[in-house]
Amino acid sequence: MKFARFLEGFILGGLLGAGLVILLAPVSGEQFRSQLQGEVERMRLEVEKAAGERRAELERQLAALRAPHTPGTV
């Protein structure tokens, strides 16, 4: 649940930031598009990294739940 909220905030923040950049950018359209593509790619890589880390964490938790438990241990 925390990760979903983080991801939601991350995406919303990125969109808001991109919108502000468009409104306040003192550069040409071509230069701006190039910068925007770079930022979108950077954000995509960050989201992929965060998703990969979360997936690994969930897989570890699932493996721990599937492991056989011996009586008397926690």
Protein backbone atom coordinates (compact mmCIF):
# COMPACT_ATOMS: atom_id res chain seq x y z
CA MET A 1 0.00 0.00 0.00
CA LYS A 2 2.83 2.40 0.85
CA PHE A 3 4.50 1.72 -2.48
CA ALA A 4 1.30 2.45 -4.39
CA ARG A 5 0.96 5.80 -2.61
CA PHE A 6 4.64 6.55 -3.30
CA LEU A 7 4.24 5.70 -6.97
CA GLU A 8 1.07 7.80 -7.19
CA GLY A 9 2.83 10.78 -5.64
CA PHE A 10 5.90 10.28 -7.80
CA ILE A 11 3.89 10.26 -11.02
CA LEU A 12 1.69 13.17 -9.95
CA GLY A 13 4.75 15.18 -8.95
CA GLY A 14 6.42 14.42 -12.25
CA LEU A 15 3.39 15.53 -14.22
CA LEU A 16 3.03 18.70 -12.18
CA GLY A 17 6.73 19.47 -12.60
CA ALA A 18 6.54 18.86 -16.35
CA GLY A 19 3.56 21.20 -16.59
CA LEU A 20 5.41 23.94 -14.74
CA VAL A 21 8.43 23.50 -16.96
CA ILE A 22 6.28 23.93 -20.05
CA LEU A 23 4.80 27.14 -18.68
CA LEU A 24 8.07 28.63 -17.44
CA ALA A 25 10.61 27.34 -19.98
CA PRO A 26 12.77 30.08 -21.54
CA VAL A 27 13.99 27.78 -24.35
CA SER A 28 12.97 26.97 -27.90
CA GLY A 29 10.41 24.27 -28.65
CA GLU A 30 12.98 21.89 -30.11
CA GLN A 31 15.35 22.33 -27.18
CA PHE A 32 12.49 21.94 -24.74
CA ARG A 33 11.28 18.71 -26.38
CA SER A 34 14.79 17.31 -26.14
CA GLN A 35 15.02 18.21 -22.46
CA LEU A 36 11.55 16.82 -21.81
CA GLN A 37 12.44 13.52 -23.48
CA GLY A 38 15.51 13.29 -21.26
CA GLU A 39 13.46 13.93 -18.13
CA VAL A 40 10.79 11.43 -19.14
CA GLU A 41 13.48 8.81 -19.72
CA ARG A 42 15.08 9.59 -16.34
CA MET A 43 11.71 9.28 -14.60
CA ARG A 44 10.96 6.03 -16.43
CA LEU A 45 14.25 4.55 -15.25
CA GLU A 46 13.56 5.63 -11.66
CA VAL A 47 10.11 4.05 -11.72
CA GLU A 48 11.53 0.83 -13.19
CA LYS A 49 14.19 0.74 -10.48
CA ALA A 50 11.65 1.34 -7.70
CA ALA A 51 9.34 -1.32 -9.15
CA GLY A 52 12.21 -3.80 -9.40
CA GLU A 53 13.22 -3.19 -5.79
CA ARG A 54 9.63 -3.60 -4.62
CA ARG A 55 9.24 -6.79 -6.65
CA ALA A 56 12.39 -8.25 -5.11
CA GLU A 57 11.13 -7.37 -1.63
CA LEU A 58 7.77 -9.01 -2.30
CA GLU A 59 9.43 -12.12 -3.74
CA ARG A 60 11.56 -12.44 -0.59
CA GLN A 61 8.44 -12.12 1.56
CA LEU A 62 6.60 -14.70 -0.53
CA ALA A 63 9.52 -17.13 -0.29
CA ALA A 64 9.55 -16.70 3.49
CA LEU A 65 5.82 -17.42 3.66
CA ARG A 66 6.17 -20.51 1.48
CA ALA A 67 9.10 -21.92 3.49
CA PRO A 68 8.16 -24.86 5.69
CA HIS A 69 7.74 -23.93 9.33
CA THR A 70 8.93 -26.21 12.07
CA PRO A 71 6.82 -26.40 15.23
CA GLY A 72 8.02 -24.23 18.07
CA THR A 73 9.76 -21.64 15.85
CA VAL A 74 8.61 -18.23 14.81
